[in-house]
């Protein structure tokens, strides 16, 4: 966990002087670590802070971690390591060595050094900012989808027996996939906030895709389960972190449906992967070989967006879905670093891809928001989210500070949309895509 501020400074619609350590970091850490521990994971916590962590603060963190009574004392079940005053020092101006300063955006880079140092100690790494709740069920869900992708890779050919052009491959949204296509896929997340009392979005984006909440043949409407991402224990909840939000109160803001696509995954026994959402951020335009290209069914294929005949540029920042962190298995880290990420994923960060050990103009979001993982000049990986409602809900992550909804700059550039409505629209697109498959098979007599 990375923490830049012990007390809020009043920016980004926070209350100046608010004890962020006590009111945000501690509840989020308690909720996340306890949930992971109770889910059966062996958990170690590494807390990386910009500020000095006093003995009192250290004891606060220890008291928030899972423990059990042993004799007359409590034994903490989760180990704790604190790296305080961890912000790297760099040149104030990139092309001048006359003055150095704390590069606060570089604090988001520091977890990579911890991970590289401990790479052989763990098989799962979860690196998030101090206001992101991550439950144990979500860590397990990430592992489940990753395992399903590996099983698909093992059964996949290195090349497909076709003569598709690159443009044609981009439109192949179902059928067999190459091992290379599948190796570019990783589980994705959508960050959500809970609408606090009295808040309503000032700007909403109503796109003309009808919402269909009926998933299967029963015809019953489905509601996503908000408890998986956003239910907070009574010892962690507070005024800005309600304990049991309703699904209608969950909003997202960091993408729009016109930037999203769907894909029907290949079928193998016991796989939970069927229809998946392809999130924005990466691009297929890099590749001149069809074995890399993940075909897709665009949400606007059926004319919902009027004169907009093509998808928008999915690499634009307002479509990317910053995650506030990321997770990965040890195997994935090795593949990302050695195969997919330009310049590598773990340190050292050397030229020509990196300058000043990565302390150039790279943002916090590059290191901890997932921008490097999906970015076109970085790893260019494809995030996916299974569309089945009971699984889709496991890929929502709670931005527990709930402050984006109150930031004027965010409200000015982003539309806040109910996550339930997004799923209903995606479900409509899925049914359209299924109809297209049936039509295709009828035409070819399959």
Protein backbone atom coordinates (compact mmCIF):
# COMPACT_ATOMS: atom_id res chain seq x y z
CA UNK A 1 0.00 0.00 0.00
CA UNK A 2 1.28 3.46 -0.95
CA UNK A 3 0.35 6.63 0.96
CA UNK A 4 1.30 10.14 -0.09
CA UNK A 5 -0.40 12.15 2.68
CA UNK A 6 -0.76 11.65 6.43
CA UNK A 7 -3.24 14.55 6.56
CA UNK A 8 -5.44 15.84 3.74
CA UNK A 9 -4.30 19.15 2.25
CA UNK A 10 -7.71 20.39 1.14
CA UNK A 11 -7.11 19.70 -2.55
CA UNK A 12 -9.28 17.35 -4.64
CA UNK A 13 -12.27 18.24 -2.47
CA UNK A 14 -10.77 16.89 0.74
CA UNK A 15 -11.02 18.62 4.11
CA UNK A 16 -7.76 20.33 5.00
CA UNK A 17 -6.24 18.87 8.14
CA UNK A 18 -8.37 15.73 8.10
CA UNK A 19 -6.43 12.82 9.60
CA UNK A 20 -6.25 10.74 6.42
CA UNK A 21 -4.09 8.12 8.11
CA UNK A 22 -6.76 7.38 10.73
CA UNK A 23 -9.90 7.99 8.69
CA UNK A 24 -8.95 6.46 5.33
CA UNK A 25 -5.73 4.42 5.38
CA UNK A 26 -6.48 2.47 8.56
CA UNK A 27 -10.08 1.48 7.65
CA UNK A 28 -9.07 0.52 4.10
CA UNK A 29 -6.09 -1.51 5.29
CA UNK A 30 -8.13 -3.21 8.03
CA UNK A 31 -10.91 -4.12 5.59
CA UNK A 32 -8.59 -5.37 2.85
CA UNK A 33 -6.07 -7.29 4.98
CA UNK A 34 -8.78 -8.91 7.11
CA UNK A 35 -10.78 -9.97 4.06
CA UNK A 36 -7.73 -11.48 2.35
CA UNK A 37 -6.68 -13.27 5.52
CA UNK A 38 -10.17 -14.66 6.10
CA UNK A 39 -10.22 -15.83 2.47
CA UNK A 40 -7.32 -18.15 3.23
CA UNK A 41 -4.39 -16.10 1.97
CA UNK A 42 -1.13 -15.71 3.88
CA UNK A 43 -0.80 -11.93 3.94
CA UNK A 44 2.20 -9.67 4.48
CA UNK A 45 1.75 -5.88 4.39
CA UNK A 46 4.33 -3.44 3.04
CA UNK A 47 3.34 0.17 3.75
CA UNK A 48 5.21 2.76 1.65
CA UNK A 49 4.78 6.36 2.84
CA UNK A 50 5.98 9.80 1.77
CA UNK A 51 5.96 11.02 5.39
CA UNK A 52 7.69 9.72 8.54
CA UNK A 53 5.64 7.09 10.37
CA UNK A 54 5.78 7.57 14.12
CA UNK A 55 5.75 4.78 16.69
CA UNK A 56 2.14 5.69 17.49
CA UNK A 57 1.16 5.41 13.83
CA UNK A 58 2.97 2.09 13.54
CA UNK A 59 0.98 0.78 16.49
CA UNK A 60 -2.22 2.02 14.82
CA UNK A 61 -1.45 -0.11 11.77
CA UNK A 62 -0.61 -3.17 13.86
CA UNK A 63 -3.88 -2.84 15.75
CA UNK A 64 -5.78 -2.79 12.43
CA UNK A 65 -4.31 -6.08 11.21
CA UNK A 66 -5.89 -9.51 11.88
CA UNK A 67 -4.83 -10.99 15.21
CA UNK A 68 -5.83 -13.66 17.68
CA UNK A 69 -5.58 -13.92 21.45
CA UNK A 70 -2.63 -15.92 22.73
CA UNK A 71 -2.49 -16.08 26.51
CA UNK A 72 -2.68 -12.52 27.76
CA UNK A 73 -1.62 -10.94 24.46
CA UNK A 74 -2.82 -10.60 20.88
CA UNK A 75 -0.70 -12.20 18.18
CA UNK A 76 -0.80 -10.39 14.84
CA UNK A 77 -1.41 -12.84 11.99
CA UNK A 78 -0.20 -10.49 9.25
CA UNK A 79 3.37 -9.23 9.17
CA UNK A 80 4.04 -5.52 8.67
CA UNK A 81 6.97 -3.72 7.08
CA UNK A 82 6.97 0.09 6.85
CA UNK A 83 9.12 2.06 4.41
CA UNK A 84 8.59 5.67 5.44
CA UNK A 85 10.03 8.82 3.86
CA UNK A 86 10.23 6.69 0.74
CA UNK A 87 9.78 9.42 -1.87
CA UNK A 88 12.68 9.40 -4.35
CA UNK A 89 14.86 12.44 -4.92
CA UNK A 90 15.39 13.74 -8.45
CA UNK A 91 16.33 16.81 -10.43
CA UNK A 92 13.83 19.65 -10.21
CA UNK A 93 14.19 20.19 -13.96
CA UNK A 94 14.94 17.23 -16.22
CA UNK A 95 17.63 18.99 -18.21
CA UNK A 96 19.31 20.74 -15.28
CA UNK A 97 21.34 19.25 -12.43
CA UNK A 98 21.42 22.47 -10.38
CA UNK A 99 18.64 21.58 -7.93
CA UNK A 100 17.15 18.39 -6.51
CA UNK A 101 13.78 17.82 -4.89
CA UNK A 102 11.35 15.18 -3.72
CA UNK A 103 9.66 13.70 -6.79
CA UNK A 104 6.34 12.96 -5.12
CA UNK A 105 4.81 11.37 -8.22
CA UNK A 106 7.71 8.91 -8.06
CA UNK A 107 6.45 7.53 -4.74
CA UNK A 108 4.07 5.45 -6.85
CA UNK A 109 7.13 3.79 -8.42
CA UNK A 110 8.65 2.58 -5.16
CA UNK A 111 6.50 -0.53 -4.73
CA UNK A 112 8.28 -1.99 -7.77
CA UNK A 113 11.54 -2.17 -5.81
CA UNK A 114 9.84 -4.01 -2.96
CA UNK A 115 8.25 -6.44 -5.41
CA UNK A 116 11.50 -7.15 -7.22
CA UNK A 117 13.29 -7.70 -3.91
CA UNK A 118 10.56 -10.12 -2.74
CA UNK A 119 9.72 -11.71 -6.09
CA UNK A 120 10.66 -15.24 -5.02
CA UNK A 121 8.98 -14.91 -1.61
CA UNK A 122 5.38 -14.69 -2.84
CA UNK A 123 3.18 -16.05 -5.61
CA UNK A 124 0.74 -13.09 -5.63
CA UNK A 125 1.32 -9.34 -5.42
CA UNK A 126 -1.35 -6.71 -4.69
CA UNK A 127 -0.18 -3.08 -4.97
CA UNK A 128 -2.73 -0.33 -4.34
CA UNK A 129 -3.12 3.25 -3.18
CA UNK A 130 -4.28 3.89 0.36
CA UNK A 131 -7.95 4.53 -0.50
CA UNK A 132 -8.63 1.41 -2.60
CA UNK A 133 -10.47 -1.47 -0.91
CA UNK A 134 -9.45 -4.90 -2.22
CA UNK A 135 -11.35 -7.88 -0.82
CA UNK A 136 -10.08 -11.43 -0.68
CA UNK A 137 -12.82 -12.60 -3.05
CA UNK A 138 -11.45 -10.19 -5.64
CA UNK A 139 -7.90 -11.49 -5.30
CA UNK A 140 -9.26 -15.02 -5.75
CA UNK A 141 -11.31 -13.86 -8.76
CA UNK A 142 -8.18 -12.42 -10.36
CA UNK A 143 -6.43 -15.74 -9.87
CA UNK A 144 -9.42 -17.65 -11.26
CA UNK A 145 -9.53 -15.63 -14.48
CA UNK A 146 -5.73 -15.79 -14.83
CA UNK A 147 -5.82 -19.58 -14.44
CA UNK A 148 -8.62 -19.83 -17.02
CA UNK A 149 -6.56 -17.80 -19.48
CA UNK A 150 -3.55 -20.06 -18.94
CA UNK A 151 -5.66 -23.15 -19.61
CA UNK A 152 -6.92 -21.59 -22.83
CA UNK A 153 -3.34 -20.81 -23.84
CA UNK A 154 -2.28 -24.41 -23.31
CA UNK A 155 -5.04 -25.58 -25.66
CA UNK A 156 -4.53 -22.83 -28.26
CA UNK A 157 -2.58 -23.04 -31.53
CA UNK A 158 0.36 -20.76 -32.26
CA UNK A 159 -1.37 -19.65 -35.47
CA UNK A 160 -4.89 -19.85 -36.84
CA UNK A 161 -5.66 -21.70 -40.05
CA UNK A 162 -7.00 -18.72 -41.96
CA UNK A 163 -5.91 -15.96 -44.32
CA UNK A 164 -7.51 -13.04 -42.52
CA UNK A 165 -6.15 -9.58 -43.10
CA UNK A 166 -5.43 -7.41 -40.08
CA UNK A 167 -8.72 -5.55 -40.59
CA UNK A 168 -10.62 -8.84 -40.80
CA UNK A 169 -8.92 -10.21 -37.69
CA UNK A 170 -9.96 -7.11 -35.75
CA UNK A 171 -13.59 -8.03 -36.51
CA UNK A 172 -13.31 -11.71 -35.52
CA UNK A 173 -15.01 -11.48 -32.14
CA UNK A 174 -15.58 -15.21 -31.63
CA UNK A 175 -13.95 -18.51 -32.47
CA UNK A 176 -10.44 -19.87 -31.88
CA UNK A 177 -7.64 -17.68 -30.57
CA UNK A 178 -3.87 -18.01 -30.71
CA UNK A 179 -1.75 -18.55 -27.62
CA UNK A 180 -0.20 -15.14 -28.27
CA UNK A 181 -3.57 -13.38 -28.29
CA UNK A 182 -4.51 -15.06 -25.02
CA UNK A 183 -1.16 -14.26 -23.41
CA UNK A 184 -1.89 -10.54 -23.92
CA UNK A 185 -5.07 -10.84 -21.83
CA UNK A 186 -5.25 -10.13 -18.10
CA UNK A 187 -8.16 -9.64 -15.68
CA UNK A 188 -9.34 -6.03 -15.47
CA UNK A 189 -11.13 -3.76 -13.00
CA UNK A 190 -13.58 -0.87 -13.01
CA UNK A 191 -13.21 1.63 -10.20
CA UNK A 192 -16.46 2.75 -8.55
CA UNK A 193 -17.59 5.15 -5.87
CA UNK A 194 -20.64 5.11 -3.61
CA UNK A 195 -22.94 8.11 -3.96
CA UNK A 196 -22.91 9.81 -0.57
CA UNK A 197 -25.99 11.38 0.99
CA UNK A 198 -27.25 14.35 -0.99
CA UNK A 199 -25.01 13.81 -4.04
CA UNK A 200 -26.30 13.59 -7.58
CA UNK A 201 -24.18 13.62 -10.75
CA UNK A 202 -24.02 17.05 -12.36
CA UNK A 203 -23.20 15.52 -15.71
CA UNK A 204 -24.46 12.23 -17.07
CA UNK A 205 -23.83 10.77 -20.49
CA UNK A 206 -26.92 9.18 -21.94
CA UNK A 207 -25.87 7.01 -24.86
CA UNK A 208 -28.65 5.44 -26.93
CA UNK A 209 -28.08 1.79 -26.02
CA UNK A 210 -31.09 0.29 -24.25
CA UNK A 211 -30.47 -1.46 -20.94
CA UNK A 212 -31.33 -5.14 -20.74
CA UNK A 213 -31.08 -6.64 -17.25
CA UNK A 214 -32.32 -10.11 -18.30
CA UNK A 215 -29.31 -12.40 -18.56
CA UNK A 216 -30.73 -15.86 -19.29
CA UNK A 217 -33.84 -17.62 -20.55
CA UNK A 218 -35.71 -17.20 -17.25
CA UNK A 219 -36.46 -13.61 -18.18
CA UNK A 220 -35.76 -12.41 -14.65
CA UNK A 221 -34.01 -9.08 -14.29
CA UNK A 222 -30.62 -9.24 -12.60
CA UNK A 223 -29.01 -6.79 -10.19
CA UNK A 224 -25.27 -6.80 -9.62
CA UNK A 225 -24.15 -7.68 -6.09
CA UNK A 226 -22.46 -4.61 -4.53
CA UNK A 227 -21.31 -6.46 -1.41
CA UNK A 228 -18.35 -8.12 -3.16
CA UNK A 229 -16.56 -4.85 -3.86
CA UNK A 230 -18.08 -2.36 -1.53
CA UNK A 231 -19.49 -3.83 1.68
CA UNK A 232 -17.43 -2.53 4.58
CA UNK A 233 -17.26 -4.08 8.05
CA UNK A 234 -18.72 -2.13 10.95
CA UNK A 235 -15.26 -1.58 12.44
CA UNK A 236 -14.04 0.03 9.20
CA UNK A 237 -17.07 1.98 7.94
CA UNK A 238 -17.45 5.70 8.66
CA UNK A 239 -19.22 8.78 7.31
CA UNK A 240 -17.49 8.68 3.92
CA UNK A 241 -17.33 4.86 3.73
CA UNK A 242 -20.89 3.52 4.22
CA UNK A 243 -21.06 -0.13 5.23
CA UNK A 244 -23.66 -1.59 2.85
CA UNK A 245 -24.32 0.49 -0.28
CA UNK A 246 -27.08 -0.36 -2.76
CA UNK A 247 -26.14 -1.21 -6.34
CA UNK A 248 -28.06 1.86 -7.56
CA UNK A 249 -25.61 4.01 -5.58
CA UNK A 250 -22.48 2.70 -7.33
CA UNK A 251 -21.11 5.00 -10.04
CA UNK A 252 -18.13 4.86 -12.39
CA UNK A 253 -16.57 7.78 -14.27
CA UNK A 254 -13.36 6.68 -16.00
CA UNK A 255 -14.66 5.34 -19.30
CA UNK A 256 -17.80 5.30 -21.46
CA UNK A 257 -19.52 2.47 -23.25
CA UNK A 258 -18.67 3.77 -26.74
CA UNK A 259 -15.02 2.88 -26.00
CA UNK A 260 -15.81 -0.72 -24.98
CA UNK A 261 -15.95 -3.96 -26.95
CA UNK A 262 -17.01 -7.55 -26.32
CA UNK A 263 -15.41 -10.88 -27.18
CA UNK A 264 -16.72 -14.44 -26.95
CA UNK A 265 -13.92 -16.58 -25.59
CA UNK A 266 -13.04 -20.05 -26.93
CA UNK A 267 -14.79 -22.89 -25.13
CA UNK A 268 -12.92 -25.48 -23.09
CA UNK A 269 -14.22 -27.67 -20.23
CA UNK A 270 -14.66 -26.02 -16.81
CA UNK A 271 -13.82 -22.51 -18.03
CA UNK A 272 -15.73 -19.58 -16.49
CA UNK A 273 -14.85 -17.40 -19.48
CA UNK A 274 -17.61 -16.85 -22.02
CA UNK A 275 -18.45 -13.30 -23.08
CA UNK A 276 -15.94 -10.75 -21.80
CA UNK A 277 -15.64 -6.97 -21.91
CA UNK A 278 -12.49 -5.69 -23.60
CA UNK A 279 -11.47 -2.56 -21.72
CA UNK A 280 -9.86 0.48 -23.31
CA UNK A 281 -6.27 1.68 -23.07
CA UNK A 282 -4.31 -0.57 -25.41
CA UNK A 283 -4.32 -0.68 -29.21
CA UNK A 284 -4.15 -3.34 -31.91
CA UNK A 285 -2.60 -0.85 -34.36
CA UNK A 286 0.90 -1.77 -33.18
CA UNK A 287 0.81 -5.22 -34.71
CA UNK A 288 1.53 -6.29 -38.27
CA UNK A 289 0.95 -9.98 -37.53
CA UNK A 290 -2.60 -11.25 -37.01
CA UNK A 291 -1.49 -13.72 -34.30
CA UNK A 292 -1.30 -10.77 -31.86
CA UNK A 293 -4.63 -9.12 -32.67
CA UNK A 294 -7.60 -9.68 -30.36
CA UNK A 295 -10.78 -9.38 -32.44
CA UNK A 296 -13.74 -7.57 -30.95
CA UNK A 297 -17.39 -6.58 -31.28
CA UNK A 298 -17.73 -2.84 -30.83
CA UNK A 299 -20.61 -1.53 -28.74
CA UNK A 300 -21.57 0.78 -31.62
CA UNK A 301 -21.64 -1.93 -34.31
CA UNK A 302 -25.43 -1.81 -34.51
CA UNK A 303 -25.66 1.91 -35.19
CA UNK A 304 -26.40 3.16 -31.69
CA UNK A 305 -24.10 6.16 -32.01
CA UNK A 306 -25.58 7.66 -35.17
CA UNK A 307 -22.95 9.08 -37.49
CA UNK A 308 -20.11 7.65 -35.39
CA UNK A 309 -19.14 4.69 -37.56
CA UNK A 310 -15.89 3.74 -35.84
CA UNK A 311 -14.79 3.31 -32.21
CA UNK A 312 -13.08 6.30 -30.58
CA UNK A 313 -9.37 6.25 -29.85
CA UNK A 314 -9.33 3.91 -26.86
CA UNK A 315 -5.87 5.10 -25.80
CA UNK A 316 -7.23 8.50 -24.71
CA UNK A 317 -6.93 9.02 -20.96
CA UNK A 318 -10.66 9.49 -20.29
CA UNK A 319 -11.39 5.97 -21.57
CA UNK A 320 -8.64 4.02 -19.83
CA UNK A 321 -10.13 3.14 -16.43
CA UNK A 322 -7.39 4.05 -13.97
CA UNK A 323 -7.41 1.34 -11.32
CA UNK A 324 -5.75 2.95 -8.32
CA UNK A 325 -3.44 -0.07 -8.24
CA UNK A 326 -2.93 -3.49 -9.76
CA UNK A 327 -2.31 -7.11 -8.89
CA UNK A 328 -0.38 -9.91 -10.57
CA UNK A 329 0.92 -13.41 -10.07
CA UNK A 330 4.66 -14.03 -10.03
CA UNK A 331 4.38 -15.76 -13.39
CA UNK A 332 2.59 -12.77 -14.90
CA UNK A 333 5.25 -10.40 -13.58
CA UNK A 334 7.94 -12.46 -15.27
CA UNK A 335 6.06 -12.45 -18.57
CA UNK A 336 5.27 -8.75 -18.43
CA UNK A 337 8.85 -7.85 -17.61
CA UNK A 338 10.57 -10.15 -20.09
CA UNK A 339 8.10 -10.20 -23.00
CA UNK A 340 5.50 -7.47 -23.13
CA UNK A 341 6.62 -4.28 -21.38
CA UNK A 342 8.96 -1.96 -23.27
CA UNK A 343 11.91 -1.30 -20.99
CA UNK A 344 10.68 -3.90 -18.51
CA UNK A 345 8.15 -3.80 -15.69
CA UNK A 346 10.51 -4.08 -12.72
CA UNK A 347 13.68 -2.05 -12.07
CA UNK A 348 16.21 -1.00 -13.13
CA UNK A 349 14.60 1.68 -15.30
CA UNK A 350 17.31 2.43 -17.83
CA UNK A 351 17.56 4.26 -21.17
CA UNK A 352 16.44 4.33 -23.87
CA UNK A 353 12.91 3.63 -22.62
CA UNK A 354 13.37 5.29 -19.22
CA UNK A 355 15.26 8.38 -18.13
CA UNK A 356 16.33 9.43 -14.62
CA UNK A 357 15.43 5.95 -13.29
CA UNK A 358 11.85 6.51 -14.40
CA UNK A 359 11.58 9.85 -12.57
CA UNK A 360 10.90 11.77 -15.76
CA UNK A 361 7.41 13.03 -16.57
CA UNK A 362 5.65 9.72 -15.82
CA UNK A 363 2.56 10.20 -13.71
CA UNK A 364 1.28 8.43 -10.62
CA UNK A 365 -1.24 6.70 -12.88
CA UNK A 366 1.58 5.26 -14.99
CA UNK A 367 2.97 3.33 -12.03
CA UNK A 368 -0.06 2.59 -9.89
CA UNK A 369 -3.10 3.28 -12.07
CA UNK A 370 -2.47 0.60 -14.67
CA UNK A 371 -1.35 2.99 -17.44
CA UNK A 372 1.96 1.17 -17.92
CA UNK A 373 0.22 -2.20 -18.00
CA UNK A 374 -2.18 -1.25 -20.80
CA UNK A 375 -0.42 1.72 -22.37
CA UNK A 376 0.59 1.67 -26.02
CA UNK A 377 4.16 2.74 -25.30
CA UNK A 378 4.50 0.33 -22.42
CA UNK A 379 3.01 -3.18 -22.06
CA UNK A 380 -0.10 -2.84 -24.29
CA UNK A 381 -1.90 -5.67 -22.50
CA UNK A 382 -5.63 -6.27 -22.94
CA UNK A 383 -7.76 -6.20 -19.79
CA UNK A 384 -10.90 -8.32 -19.78
CA UNK A 385 -13.92 -8.58 -17.48
CA UNK A 386 -16.31 -11.56 -17.68
CA UNK A 387 -19.82 -10.31 -18.41
CA UNK A 388 -21.80 -12.87 -16.37
CA UNK A 389 -23.48 -10.70 -13.70
CA UNK A 390 -22.31 -12.73 -10.69
CA UNK A 391 -18.72 -12.50 -11.99
CA UNK A 392 -18.79 -8.97 -13.41
CA UNK A 393 -19.55 -7.64 -9.91
CA UNK A 394 -16.30 -9.17 -8.63
CA UNK A 395 -14.34 -6.89 -10.98
CA UNK A 396 -15.57 -3.65 -9.41
CA UNK A 397 -13.13 -1.93 -7.08
CA UNK A 398 -14.12 0.54 -4.41
CA UNK A 399 -12.48 3.97 -4.36
CA UNK A 400 -13.24 4.40 -0.69
CA UNK A 401 -12.34 8.07 -0.29
CA UNK A 402 -15.42 8.78 -2.46
CA UNK A 403 -14.01 12.18 -3.41
CA UNK A 404 -14.05 12.02 -7.22
CA UNK A 405 -17.80 12.67 -7.18
CA UNK A 406 -17.16 16.00 -5.42
CA UNK A 407 -14.22 17.22 -7.53
CA UNK A 408 -15.25 19.97 -9.92
CA UNK A 409 -12.52 19.13 -12.43
CA UNK A 410 -13.59 15.48 -12.56
CA UNK A 411 -17.26 16.41 -12.86
CA UNK A 412 -16.43 18.84 -15.68
CA UNK A 413 -14.62 16.30 -17.84
CA UNK A 414 -16.26 13.01 -16.84
CA UNK A 415 -19.79 11.68 -16.81
CA UNK A 416 -20.83 9.68 -13.74
CA UNK A 417 -22.90 6.63 -14.70
CA UNK A 418 -24.48 3.91 -12.61
CA UNK A 419 -22.50 0.69 -12.96
CA UNK A 420 -25.77 -1.27 -13.09
CA UNK A 421 -26.79 0.74 -16.18
CA UNK A 422 -23.44 0.08 -17.88
CA UNK A 423 -23.86 -3.66 -17.35
CA UNK A 424 -27.39 -3.51 -18.77
CA UNK A 425 -26.11 -1.76 -21.89
CA UNK A 426 -23.26 -4.24 -22.31
CA UNK A 427 -25.77 -7.07 -21.99
CA UNK A 428 -27.75 -5.56 -24.87
CA UNK A 429 -24.57 -5.51 -26.97
CA UNK A 430 -23.92 -9.15 -26.03
CA UNK A 431 -27.33 -10.21 -27.30
CA UNK A 432 -26.74 -8.31 -30.54
CA UNK A 433 -23.40 -10.09 -30.96
CA UNK A 434 -25.01 -13.48 -30.32
CA UNK A 435 -27.60 -12.68 -33.00
CA UNK A 436 -24.76 -11.81 -35.40
CA UNK A 437 -23.14 -15.21 -34.72
CA UNK A 438 -26.43 -17.02 -35.41
CA UNK A 439 -26.89 -15.08 -38.64
CA UNK A 440 -23.33 -15.89 -39.72
CA UNK A 441 -23.83 -19.59 -39.06
CA UNK A 442 -27.13 -19.62 -40.96
CA UNK A 443 -25.46 -18.01 -43.96
CA UNK A 444 -22.68 -20.59 -44.00
CA UNK A 445 -24.99 -23.50 -43.17
CA UNK A 446 -23.21 -24.37 -39.91
